[in-house]
Every structure is written in structure tokens, then in C-alpha cells.
Amino acid sequence: LGTGTVLAGDFGDRVEHRLDRRGDRIEQRLDQRGDRIDR
């Protein structure tokens, strides 16, 4: 449509947020695993 970069400013923030959530999930899963083994 020629409107250019409609999502340009928001796209980088969304990728950053997605990677942040992914890291949080991995960290939480590993913490839970360590707690289970320790118990």
C-alpha cells in the first residue's frame, strides 16, 4: 500500500519482549528442575 514502515518502531520492542519471556520461561523451568532434584 506504500505506507512504508507501519510496524518499524514496534517490531524491535516485540522481538525484545519475546526473547525476554523466553529467557524467563527457561530460567523458571531450570529453577523448578533444580528444586525438584534438591528436594
PDB file of all heavy atoms in Angstrom:
ATOM      1  N   LEU A   1       0.814  -1.218   0.000  1.00  0.00           N
ATOM      2  CA  LEU A   1       0.000   0.000   0.000  1.00  0.00           C
ATOM      3  C   LEU A   1       0.845   1.265   0.000  1.00  0.00           C
ATOM      4  O   LEU A   1       0.319   2.361  -0.137  1.00  0.00           O
ATOM      5  CB  LEU A   1      -0.945   0.012   1.202  1.00  0.00           C
ATOM      6  CG  LEU A   1      -2.000  -1.091   1.222  1.00  0.00           C
ATOM      7  CD1 LEU A   1      -2.787  -1.049   2.510  1.00  0.00           C
ATOM      8  CD2 LEU A   1      -2.921  -0.949   0.029  1.00  0.00           C
ATOM      9  N   GLY A   2       2.140   1.108   0.189  1.00  0.00           N
ATOM     10  CA  GLY A   2       3.027   2.259   0.146  1.00  0.00           C
ATOM     11  C   GLY A   2       3.074   3.047   1.439  1.00  0.00           C
ATOM     12  O   GLY A   2       3.516   4.186   1.453  1.00  0.00           O
ATOM     13  N   THR A   3       2.598   2.475   2.519  1.00  0.00           N
ATOM     14  CA  THR A   3       2.626   3.203   3.787  1.00  0.00           C
ATOM     15  C   THR A   3       3.966   3.046   4.491  1.00  0.00           C
ATOM     16  O   THR A   3       4.183   3.635   5.543  1.00  0.00           O
ATOM     17  CB  THR A   3       1.503   2.721   4.722  1.00  0.00           C
ATOM     18  OG1 THR A   3       1.618   1.318   4.909  1.00  0.00           O
ATOM     19  CG2 THR A   3       0.150   3.063   4.143  1.00  0.00           C
ATOM     20  N   GLY A   4       4.842   2.256   3.945  1.00  0.00           N
ATOM     21  CA  GLY A   4       6.200   2.150   4.488  1.00  0.00           C
ATOM     22  C   GLY A   4       6.283   1.295   5.728  1.00  0.00           C
ATOM     23  O   GLY A   4       5.745   0.204   5.761  1.00  0.00           O
ATOM     24  N   THR A   5       6.915   1.832   6.737  1.00  0.00           N
ATOM     25  CA  THR A   5       7.218   1.054   7.927  1.00  0.00           C
ATOM     26  C   THR A   5       6.189   1.323   9.022  1.00  0.00           C
ATOM     27  O   THR A   5       6.432   2.079   9.954  1.00  0.00           O
ATOM     28  CB  THR A   5       8.624   1.389   8.441  1.00  0.00           C
ATOM     29  OG1 THR A   5       8.673   2.794   8.652  1.00  0.00           O
ATOM     30  CG2 THR A   5       9.686   0.986   7.465  1.00  0.00           C
ATOM     31  N   VAL A   6       5.060   0.703   8.898  1.00  0.00           N
ATOM     32  CA  VAL A   6       3.996   0.890   9.869  1.00  0.00           C
ATOM     33  C   VAL A   6       4.407   0.315  11.221  1.00  0.00           C
ATOM     34  O   VAL A   6       4.171   0.903  12.258  1.00  0.00           O
ATOM     35  CB  VAL A   6       2.697   0.208   9.375  1.00  0.00           C
ATOM     36  CG1 VAL A   6       1.655   0.195  10.457  1.00  0.00           C
ATOM     37  CG2 VAL A   6       2.203   0.894   8.136  1.00  0.00           C
ATOM     38  N   LEU A   7       5.059  -0.834  11.198  1.00  0.00           N
ATOM     39  CA  LEU A   7       5.392  -1.522  12.434  1.00  0.00           C
ATOM     40  C   LEU A   7       6.860  -1.377  12.816  1.00  0.00           C
ATOM     41  O   LEU A   7       7.343  -2.104  13.664  1.00  0.00           O
ATOM     42  CB  LEU A   7       5.065  -3.012  12.302  1.00  0.00           C
ATOM     43  CG  LEU A   7       3.614  -3.340  11.990  1.00  0.00           C
ATOM     44  CD1 LEU A   7       3.458  -4.810  11.679  1.00  0.00           C
ATOM     45  CD2 LEU A   7       2.735  -2.959  13.151  1.00  0.00           C
ATOM     46  N   ALA A   8       7.564  -0.461  12.182  1.00  0.00           N
ATOM     47  CA  ALA A   8       9.013  -0.418  12.372  1.00  0.00           C
ATOM     48  C   ALA A   8       9.417  -0.164  13.814  1.00  0.00           C
ATOM     49  O   ALA A   8      10.264  -0.854  14.354  1.00  0.00           O
ATOM     50  CB  ALA A   8       9.621   0.664  11.476  1.00  0.00           C
ATOM     51  N   GLY A   9       8.830   0.812  14.470  1.00  0.00           N
ATOM     52  CA  GLY A   9       9.236   1.122  15.835  1.00  0.00           C
ATOM     53  C   GLY A   9       8.832   0.049  16.823  1.00  0.00           C
ATOM     54  O   GLY A   9       9.517  -0.226  17.789  1.00  0.00           O
ATOM     55  N   ASP A  10       7.704  -0.560  16.574  1.00  0.00           N
ATOM     56  CA  ASP A  10       7.152  -1.537  17.498  1.00  0.00           C
ATOM     57  C   ASP A  10       7.793  -2.917  17.337  1.00  0.00           C
ATOM     58  O   ASP A  10       7.860  -3.679  18.291  1.00  0.00           O
ATOM     59  CB  ASP A  10       5.646  -1.636  17.263  1.00  0.00           C
ATOM     60  CG  ASP A  10       4.939  -2.404  18.353  1.00  0.00           C
ATOM     61  OD1 ASP A  10       5.361  -2.270  19.511  1.00  0.00           O
ATOM     62  OD2 ASP A  10       3.987  -3.124  18.029  1.00  0.00           O
ATOM     63  N   PHE A  11       8.282  -3.232  16.162  1.00  0.00           N
ATOM     64  CA  PHE A  11       8.776  -4.580  15.885  1.00  0.00           C
ATOM     65  C   PHE A  11       9.966  -4.938  16.758  1.00  0.00           C
ATOM     66  O   PHE A  11      10.031  -6.028  17.316  1.00  0.00           O
ATOM     67  CB  PHE A  11       9.133  -4.719  14.403  1.00  0.00           C
ATOM     68  CG  PHE A  11       9.560  -6.102  14.026  1.00  0.00           C
ATOM     69  CD1 PHE A  11       8.633  -7.124  14.001  1.00  0.00           C
ATOM     70  CD2 PHE A  11      10.868  -6.382  13.720  1.00  0.00           C
ATOM     71  CE1 PHE A  11       9.001  -8.408  13.661  1.00  0.00           C
ATOM     72  CE2 PHE A  11      11.253  -7.659  13.381  1.00  0.00           C
ATOM     73  CZ  PHE A  11      10.320  -8.672  13.350  1.00  0.00           C
ATOM     74  N   GLY A  12      10.911  -4.029  16.921  1.00  0.00           N
ATOM     75  CA  GLY A  12      12.082  -4.300  17.757  1.00  0.00           C
ATOM     76  C   GLY A  12      11.703  -4.535  19.206  1.00  0.00           C
ATOM     77  O   GLY A  12      12.244  -5.421  19.873  1.00  0.00           O
ATOM     78  N   ASP A  13      10.728  -3.765  19.691  1.00  0.00           N
ATOM     79  CA  ASP A  13      10.248  -3.947  21.062  1.00  0.00           C
ATOM     80  C   ASP A  13       9.585  -5.310  21.232  1.00  0.00           C
ATOM     81  O   ASP A  13       9.740  -5.964  22.260  1.00  0.00           O
ATOM     82  CB  ASP A  13       9.259  -2.858  21.443  1.00  0.00           C
ATOM     83  CG  ASP A  13       9.913  -1.491  21.529  1.00  0.00           C
ATOM     84  OD1 ASP A  13      11.123  -1.424  21.825  1.00  0.00           O
ATOM     85  OD2 ASP A  13       9.207  -0.485  21.290  1.00  0.00           O
ATOM     86  N   ARG A  14       8.825  -5.730  20.223  1.00  0.00           N
ATOM     87  CA  ARG A  14       8.144  -7.023  20.317  1.00  0.00           C
ATOM     88  C   ARG A  14       9.128  -8.174  20.317  1.00  0.00           C
ATOM     89  O   ARG A  14       8.962  -9.144  21.059  1.00  0.00           O
ATOM     90  CB  ARG A  14       7.142  -7.164  19.182  1.00  0.00           C
ATOM     91  CG  ARG A  14       5.973  -6.240  19.402  1.00  0.00           C
ATOM     92  CD  ARG A  14       4.743  -6.532  18.599  1.00  0.00           C
ATOM     93  NE  ARG A  14       4.822  -7.540  17.603  1.00  0.00           N
ATOM     94  CZ  ARG A  14       4.522  -7.354  16.325  1.00  0.00           C
ATOM     95  NH1 ARG A  14       4.146  -6.179  15.905  1.00  0.00           N
ATOM     96  NH2 ARG A  14       4.586  -8.336  15.477  1.00  0.00           N
ATOM     97  N   VAL A  15      10.178  -8.080  19.495  1.00  0.00           N
ATOM     98  CA  VAL A  15      11.201  -9.126  19.486  1.00  0.00           C
ATOM     99  C   VAL A  15      11.913  -9.159  20.831  1.00  0.00           C
ATOM    100  O   VAL A  15      12.149 -10.231  21.401  1.00  0.00           O
ATOM    101  CB  VAL A  15      12.207  -8.903  18.330  1.00  0.00           C
ATOM    102  CG1 VAL A  15      13.400  -9.821  18.461  1.00  0.00           C
ATOM    103  CG2 VAL A  15      11.516  -9.108  16.994  1.00  0.00           C
ATOM    104  N   GLU A  16      12.239  -7.988  21.360  1.00  0.00           N
ATOM    105  CA  GLU A  16      12.897  -7.919  22.671  1.00  0.00           C
ATOM    106  C   GLU A  16      12.014  -8.544  23.755  1.00  0.00           C
ATOM    107  O   GLU A  16      12.494  -9.330  24.583  1.00  0.00           O
ATOM    108  CB  GLU A  16      13.196  -6.472  23.035  1.00  0.00           C
ATOM    109  CG  GLU A  16      13.871  -6.308  24.375  1.00  0.00           C
ATOM    110  CD  GLU A  16      14.117  -4.855  24.734  1.00  0.00           C
ATOM    111  OE1 GLU A  16      13.722  -3.965  23.969  1.00  0.00           O
ATOM    112  OE2 GLU A  16      14.699  -4.627  25.801  1.00  0.00           O
ATOM    113  N   HIS A  17      10.738  -8.231  23.730  1.00  0.00           N
ATOM    114  CA  HIS A  17       9.809  -8.773  24.720  1.00  0.00           C
ATOM    115  C   HIS A  17       9.687 -10.293  24.588  1.00  0.00           C
ATOM    116  O   HIS A  17       9.648 -11.017  25.589  1.00  0.00           O
ATOM    117  CB  HIS A  17       8.443  -8.101  24.572  1.00  0.00           C
ATOM    118  CG  HIS A  17       7.460  -8.498  25.607  1.00  0.00           C
ATOM    119  ND1 HIS A  17       7.624  -8.199  26.940  1.00  0.00           N
ATOM    120  CD2 HIS A  17       6.303  -9.188  25.516  1.00  0.00           C
ATOM    121  CE1 HIS A  17       6.613  -8.686  27.630  1.00  0.00           C
ATOM    122  NE2 HIS A  17       5.794  -9.289  26.781  1.00  0.00           N
ATOM    123  N   ARG A  18       9.620 -10.782  23.349  1.00  0.00           N
ATOM    124  CA  ARG A  18       9.511 -12.225  23.124  1.00  0.00           C
ATOM    125  C   ARG A  18      10.731 -12.957  23.658  1.00  0.00           C
ATOM    126  O   ARG A  18      10.621 -13.985  24.325  1.00  0.00           O
ATOM    127  CB  ARG A  18       9.334 -12.518  21.632  1.00  0.00           C
ATOM    128  CG  ARG A  18       9.000 -13.982  21.358  1.00  0.00           C
ATOM    129  CD  ARG A  18       9.039 -14.316  19.899  1.00  0.00           C
ATOM    130  NE  ARG A  18      10.430 -14.345  19.491  1.00  0.00           N
ATOM    131  CZ  ARG A  18      10.895 -13.887  18.339  1.00  0.00           C
ATOM    132  NH1 ARG A  18      10.103 -13.339  17.473  1.00  0.00           N
ATOM    133  NH2 ARG A  18      12.171 -13.968  18.057  1.00  0.00           N
ATOM    134  N   LEU A  19      11.931 -12.426  23.387  1.00  0.00           N
ATOM    135  CA  LEU A  19      13.145 -13.055  23.884  1.00  0.00           C
ATOM    136  C   LEU A  19      13.224 -12.979  25.407  1.00  0.00           C
ATOM    137  O   LEU A  19      13.709 -13.906  26.059  1.00  0.00           O
ATOM    138  CB  LEU A  19      14.381 -12.408  23.254  1.00  0.00           C
ATOM    139  CG  LEU A  19      14.597 -12.723  21.777  1.00  0.00           C
ATOM    140  CD1 LEU A  19      15.716 -11.875  21.214  1.00  0.00           C
ATOM    141  CD2 LEU A  19      14.882 -14.186  21.570  1.00  0.00           C
ATOM    142  N   ASP A  20      12.740 -11.899  25.977  1.00  0.00           N
ATOM    143  CA  ASP A  20      12.718 -11.759  27.430  1.00  0.00           C
ATOM    144  C   ASP A  20      11.809 -12.811  28.060  1.00  0.00           C
ATOM    145  O   ASP A  20      12.184 -13.464  29.043  1.00  0.00           O
ATOM    146  CB  ASP A  20      12.259 -10.351  27.804  1.00  0.00           C
ATOM    147  CG  ASP A  20      12.309 -10.110  29.300  1.00  0.00           C
ATOM    148  OD1 ASP A  20      13.251 -10.593  29.951  1.00  0.00           O
ATOM    149  OD2 ASP A  20      11.404  -9.442  29.813  1.00  0.00           O
ATOM    150  N   ARG A  21      10.619 -12.981  27.494  1.00  0.00           N
ATOM    151  CA  ARG A  21       9.695 -14.006  28.012  1.00  0.00           C
ATOM    152  C   ARG A  21      10.290 -15.402  27.859  1.00  0.00           C
ATOM    153  O   ARG A  21      10.148 -16.235  28.756  1.00  0.00           O
ATOM    154  CB  ARG A  21       8.356 -13.937  27.268  1.00  0.00           C
ATOM    155  CG  ARG A  21       7.471 -12.804  27.696  1.00  0.00           C
ATOM    156  CD  ARG A  21       6.062 -12.972  27.144  1.00  0.00           C
ATOM    157  NE  ARG A  21       6.009 -13.668  25.881  1.00  0.00           N
ATOM    158  CZ  ARG A  21       5.761 -13.089  24.703  1.00  0.00           C
ATOM    159  NH1 ARG A  21       5.548 -11.813  24.638  1.00  0.00           N
ATOM    160  NH2 ARG A  21       5.722 -13.810  23.593  1.00  0.00           N
ATOM    161  N   ARG A  22      10.942 -15.649  26.747  1.00  0.00           N
ATOM    162  CA  ARG A  22      11.562 -16.957  26.516  1.00  0.00           C
ATOM    163  C   ARG A  22      12.642 -17.234  27.562  1.00  0.00           C
ATOM    164  O   ARG A  22      12.709 -18.326  28.132  1.00  0.00           O
ATOM    165  CB  ARG A  22      12.155 -16.991  25.109  1.00  0.00           C
ATOM    166  CG  ARG A  22      12.806 -18.277  24.745  1.00  0.00           C
ATOM    167  CD  ARG A  22      13.291 -18.201  23.315  1.00  0.00           C
ATOM    168  NE  ARG A  22      14.132 -19.320  23.007  1.00  0.00           N
ATOM    169  CZ  ARG A  22      15.011 -19.337  22.028  1.00  0.00           C
ATOM    170  NH1 ARG A  22      15.128 -18.288  21.244  1.00  0.00           N
ATOM    171  NH2 ARG A  22      15.753 -20.384  21.810  1.00  0.00           N
ATOM    172  N   GLY A  23      13.472 -16.236  27.834  1.00  0.00           N
ATOM    173  CA  GLY A  23      14.511 -16.396  28.848  1.00  0.00           C
ATOM    174  C   GLY A  23      13.921 -16.620  30.227  1.00  0.00           C
ATOM    175  O   GLY A  23      14.423 -17.442  31.005  1.00  0.00           O
ATOM    176  N   ASP A  24      12.844 -15.908  30.543  1.00  0.00           N
ATOM    177  CA  ASP A  24      12.188 -16.087  31.835  1.00  0.00           C
ATOM    178  C   ASP A  24      11.628 -17.498  31.984  1.00  0.00           C
ATOM    179  O   ASP A  24      11.736 -18.109  33.050  1.00  0.00           O
ATOM    180  CB  ASP A  24      11.070 -15.062  32.025  1.00  0.00           C
ATOM    181  CG  ASP A  24      11.585 -13.645  32.193  1.00  0.00           C
ATOM    182  OD1 ASP A  24      12.792 -13.480  32.494  1.00  0.00           O
ATOM    183  OD2 ASP A  24      10.791 -12.703  32.004  1.00  0.00           O
ATOM    184  N   ARG A  25      11.015 -18.009  30.907  1.00  0.00           N
ATOM    185  CA  ARG A  25      10.458 -19.368  30.971  1.00  0.00           C
ATOM    186  C   ARG A  25      11.561 -20.403  31.161  1.00  0.00           C
ATOM    187  O   ARG A  25      11.416 -21.337  31.959  1.00  0.00           O
ATOM    188  CB  ARG A  25       9.670 -19.683  29.692  1.00  0.00           C
ATOM    189  CG  ARG A  25       8.290 -19.094  29.665  1.00  0.00           C
ATOM    190  CD  ARG A  25       7.462 -19.671  28.536  1.00  0.00           C
ATOM    191  NE  ARG A  25       8.140 -19.678  27.260  1.00  0.00           N
ATOM    192  CZ  ARG A  25       8.033 -18.729  26.331  1.00  0.00           C
ATOM    193  NH1 ARG A  25       7.287 -17.677  26.559  1.00  0.00           N
ATOM    194  NH2 ARG A  25       8.682 -18.821  25.188  1.00  0.00           N
ATOM    195  N   ILE A  26      12.662 -20.251  30.445  1.00  0.00           N
ATOM    196  CA  ILE A  26      13.773 -21.192  30.577  1.00  0.00           C
ATOM    197  C   ILE A  26      14.347 -21.131  31.982  1.00  0.00           C
ATOM    198  O   ILE A  26      14.602 -22.172  32.610  1.00  0.00           O
ATOM    199  CB  ILE A  26      14.859 -20.899  29.517  1.00  0.00           C
ATOM    200  CG1 ILE A  26      14.342 -21.246  28.123  1.00  0.00           C
ATOM    201  CG2 ILE A  26      16.138 -21.667  29.819  1.00  0.00           C
ATOM    202  CD1 ILE A  26      15.246 -20.787  27.000  1.00  0.00           C
ATOM    203  N   GLU A  27      14.535 -19.914  32.492  1.00  0.00           N
ATOM    204  CA  GLU A  27      15.071 -19.759  33.848  1.00  0.00           C
ATOM    205  C   GLU A  27      14.144 -20.398  34.872  1.00  0.00           C
ATOM    206  O   GLU A  27      14.592 -21.116  35.778  1.00  0.00           O
ATOM    207  CB  GLU A  27      15.254 -18.280  34.170  1.00  0.00           C
ATOM    208  CG  GLU A  27      15.798 -18.037  35.562  1.00  0.00           C
ATOM    209  CD  GLU A  27      15.873 -16.562  35.890  1.00  0.00           C
ATOM    210  OE1 GLU A  27      15.238 -15.743  35.204  1.00  0.00           O
ATOM    211  OE2 GLU A  27      16.570 -16.242  36.859  1.00  0.00           O
ATOM    212  N   GLN A  28      12.850 -20.176  34.737  1.00  0.00           N
ATOM    213  CA  GLN A  28      11.888 -20.742  35.678  1.00  0.00           C
ATOM    214  C   GLN A  28      11.893 -22.265  35.615  1.00  0.00           C
ATOM    215  O   GLN A  28      11.866 -22.945  36.646  1.00  0.00           O
ATOM    216  CB  GLN A  28      10.495 -20.205  35.375  1.00  0.00           C
ATOM    217  CG  GLN A  28       9.432 -20.686  36.324  1.00  0.00           C
ATOM    218  CD  GLN A  28       8.066 -20.136  35.954  1.00  0.00           C
ATOM    219  OE1 GLN A  28       7.837 -19.742  34.815  1.00  0.00           O
ATOM    220  NE2 GLN A  28       7.166 -20.128  36.900  1.00  0.00           N
ATOM    221  N   ARG A  29      11.939 -22.806  34.406  1.00  0.00           N
ATOM    222  CA  ARG A  29      11.945 -24.261  34.248  1.00  0.00           C
ATOM    223  C   ARG A  29      13.182 -24.888  34.873  1.00  0.00           C
ATOM    224  O   ARG A  29      13.100 -25.915  35.560  1.00  0.00           O
ATOM    225  CB  ARG A  29      11.846 -24.601  32.763  1.00  0.00           C
ATOM    226  CG  ARG A  29      11.399 -26.006  32.494  1.00  0.00           C
ATOM    227  CD  ARG A  29      11.061 -26.259  31.035  1.00  0.00           C
ATOM    228  NE  ARG A  29      12.110 -25.862  30.138  1.00  0.00           N
ATOM    229  CZ  ARG A  29      11.973 -24.998  29.130  1.00  0.00           C
ATOM    230  NH1 ARG A  29      10.824 -24.429  28.908  1.00  0.00           N
ATOM    231  NH2 ARG A  29      12.984 -24.716  28.344  1.00  0.00           N
ATOM    232  N   LEU A  30      14.357 -24.271  34.672  1.00  0.00           N
ATOM    233  CA  LEU A  30      15.580 -24.801  35.265  1.00  0.00           C
ATOM    234  C   LEU A  30      15.570 -24.668  36.786  1.00  0.00           C
ATOM    235  O   LEU A  30      16.054 -25.558  37.492  1.00  0.00           O
ATOM    236  CB  LEU A  30      16.804 -24.101  34.670  1.00  0.00           C
ATOM    237  CG  LEU A  30      17.156 -24.507  33.245  1.00  0.00           C
ATOM    238  CD1 LEU A  30      18.264 -23.632  32.698  1.00  0.00           C
ATOM    239  CD2 LEU A  30      17.577 -25.961  33.191  1.00  0.00           C
ATOM    240  N   ASP A  31      15.028 -23.569  37.301  1.00  0.00           N
ATOM    241  CA  ASP A  31      14.916 -23.414  38.758  1.00  0.00           C
ATOM    242  C   ASP A  31      14.024 -24.496  39.351  1.00  0.00           C
ATOM    243  O   ASP A  31      14.348 -25.082  40.388  1.00  0.00           O
ATOM    244  CB  ASP A  31      14.365 -22.039  39.118  1.00  0.00           C
ATOM    245  CG  ASP A  31      15.395 -20.937  39.017  1.00  0.00           C
ATOM    246  OD1 ASP A  31      16.601 -21.252  38.965  1.00  0.00           O
ATOM    247  OD2 ASP A  31      15.001 -19.758  38.981  1.00  0.00           O
ATOM    248  N   GLN A  32      12.887 -24.755  38.702  1.00  0.00           N
ATOM    249  CA  GLN A  32      11.983 -25.791  39.196  1.00  0.00           C
ATOM    250  C   GLN A  32      12.642 -27.164  39.149  1.00  0.00           C
ATOM    251  O   GLN A  32      12.487 -27.964  40.076  1.00  0.00           O
ATOM    252  CB  GLN A  32      10.691 -25.801  38.375  1.00  0.00           C
ATOM    253  CG  GLN A  32       9.806 -24.609  38.607  1.00  0.00           C
ATOM    254  CD  GLN A  32       8.643 -24.549  37.648  1.00  0.00           C
ATOM    255  OE1 GLN A  32       8.593 -25.297  36.661  1.00  0.00           O
ATOM    256  NE2 GLN A  32       7.708 -23.655  37.913  1.00  0.00           N
ATOM    257  N   ARG A  33      13.381 -27.426  38.086  1.00  0.00           N
ATOM    258  CA  ARG A  33      14.081 -28.707  37.971  1.00  0.00           C
ATOM    259  C   ARG A  33      15.101 -28.871  39.092  1.00  0.00           C
ATOM    260  O   ARG A  33      15.194 -29.922  39.717  1.00  0.00           O
ATOM    261  CB  ARG A  33      14.759 -28.784  36.606  1.00  0.00           C
ATOM    262  CG  ARG A  33      15.482 -30.059  36.340  1.00  0.00           C
ATOM    263  CD  ARG A  33      16.070 -30.044  34.949  1.00  0.00           C
ATOM    264  NE  ARG A  33      16.913 -31.189  34.738  1.00  0.00           N
ATOM    265  CZ  ARG A  33      17.841 -31.255  33.815  1.00  0.00           C
ATOM    266  NH1 ARG A  33      18.032 -30.234  33.003  1.00  0.00           N
ATOM    267  NH2 ARG A  33      18.570 -32.325  33.681  1.00  0.00           N
ATOM    268  N   GLY A  34      15.872 -27.810  39.356  1.00  0.00           N
ATOM    269  CA  GLY A  34      16.860 -27.855  40.434  1.00  0.00           C
ATOM    270  C   GLY A  34      16.203 -28.050  41.790  1.00  0.00           C
ATOM    271  O   GLY A  34      16.705 -28.820  42.621  1.00  0.00           O
ATOM    272  N   ASP A  35      15.078 -27.389  42.005  1.00  0.00           N
ATOM    273  CA  ASP A  35      14.357 -27.544  43.274  1.00  0.00           C
ATOM    274  C   ASP A  35      13.845 -28.972  43.444  1.00  0.00           C
ATOM    275  O   ASP A  35      13.911 -29.533  44.547  1.00  0.00           O
ATOM    276  CB  ASP A  35      13.194 -26.560  43.366  1.00  0.00           C
ATOM    277  CG  ASP A  35      13.650 -25.121  43.524  1.00  0.00           C
ATOM    278  OD1 ASP A  35      14.818 -24.910  43.925  1.00  0.00           O
ATOM    279  OD2 ASP A  35      12.844 -24.209  43.229  1.00  0.00           O
ATOM    280  N   ARG A  36      13.318 -29.561  42.368  1.00  0.00           N
ATOM    281  CA  ARG A  36      12.824 -30.941  42.450  1.00  0.00           C
ATOM    282  C   ARG A  36      13.954 -31.904  42.795  1.00  0.00           C
ATOM    283  O   ARG A  36      13.798 -32.771  43.658  1.00  0.00           O
ATOM    284  CB  ARG A  36      12.197 -31.362  41.121  1.00  0.00           C
ATOM    285  CG  ARG A  36      10.771 -30.943  40.933  1.00  0.00           C
ATOM    286  CD  ARG A  36      10.124 -31.669  39.764  1.00  0.00           C
ATOM    287  NE  ARG A  36      10.939 -31.717  38.575  1.00  0.00           N
ATOM    288  CZ  ARG A  36      10.890 -30.843  37.574  1.00  0.00           C
ATOM    289  NH1 ARG A  36      10.063 -29.820  37.636  1.00  0.00           N
ATOM    290  NH2 ARG A  36      11.654 -30.981  36.518  1.00  0.00           N
ATOM    291  N   ILE A  37      15.094 -31.744  42.135  1.00  0.00           N
ATOM    292  CA  ILE A  37      16.238 -32.616  42.403  1.00  0.00           C
ATOM    293  C   ILE A  37      16.720 -32.424  43.832  1.00  0.00           C
ATOM    294  O   ILE A  37      17.003 -33.400  44.549  1.00  0.00           O
ATOM    295  CB  ILE A  37      17.366 -32.348  41.386  1.00  0.00           C
ATOM    296  CG1 ILE A  37      16.940 -32.808  39.989  1.00  0.00           C
ATOM    297  CG2 ILE A  37      18.654 -33.053  41.806  1.00  0.00           C
ATOM    298  CD1 ILE A  37      17.884 -32.382  38.891  1.00  0.00           C
ATOM    299  N   ASP A  38      16.801 -31.176  44.277  1.00  0.00           N
ATOM    300  CA  ASP A  38      17.256 -30.893  45.638  1.00  0.00           C
ATOM    301  C   ASP A  38      16.307 -31.506  46.673  1.00  0.00           C
ATOM    302  O   ASP A  38      16.755 -32.098  47.667  1.00  0.00           O
ATOM    303  CB  ASP A  38      17.371 -29.382  45.842  1.00  0.00           C
ATOM    304  CG  ASP A  38      18.028 -29.020  47.155  1.00  0.00           C
ATOM    305  OD1 ASP A  38      18.873 -29.799  47.639  1.00  0.00           O
ATOM    306  OD2 ASP A  38      17.697 -27.958  47.707  1.00  0.00           O
ATOM    307  N   ARG A  39      14.999 -31.378  46.457  1.00  0.00           N
ATOM    308  CA  ARG A  39      14.040 -31.971  47.400  1.00  0.00           C
ATOM    309  C   ARG A  39      14.159 -33.488  47.435  1.00  0.00           C
ATOM    310  O   ARG A  39      14.102 -34.100  48.510  1.00  0.00           O
ATOM    311  CB  ARG A  39      12.618 -31.556  47.024  1.00  0.00           C
ATOM    312  CG  ARG A  39      12.251 -30.155  47.462  1.00  0.00           C
ATOM    313  CD  ARG A  39      10.756 -29.914  47.387  1.00  0.00           C
ATOM    314  NE  ARG A  39      10.212 -30.172  46.059  1.00  0.00           N
ATOM    315  CZ  ARG A  39      10.090 -29.247  45.099  1.00  0.00           C
ATOM    316  NH1 ARG A  39      10.481 -28.014  45.327  1.00  0.00           N
ATOM    317  NH2 ARG A  39       9.585 -29.564  43.931  1.00  0.00           N
TER     318      ARG A  39
END
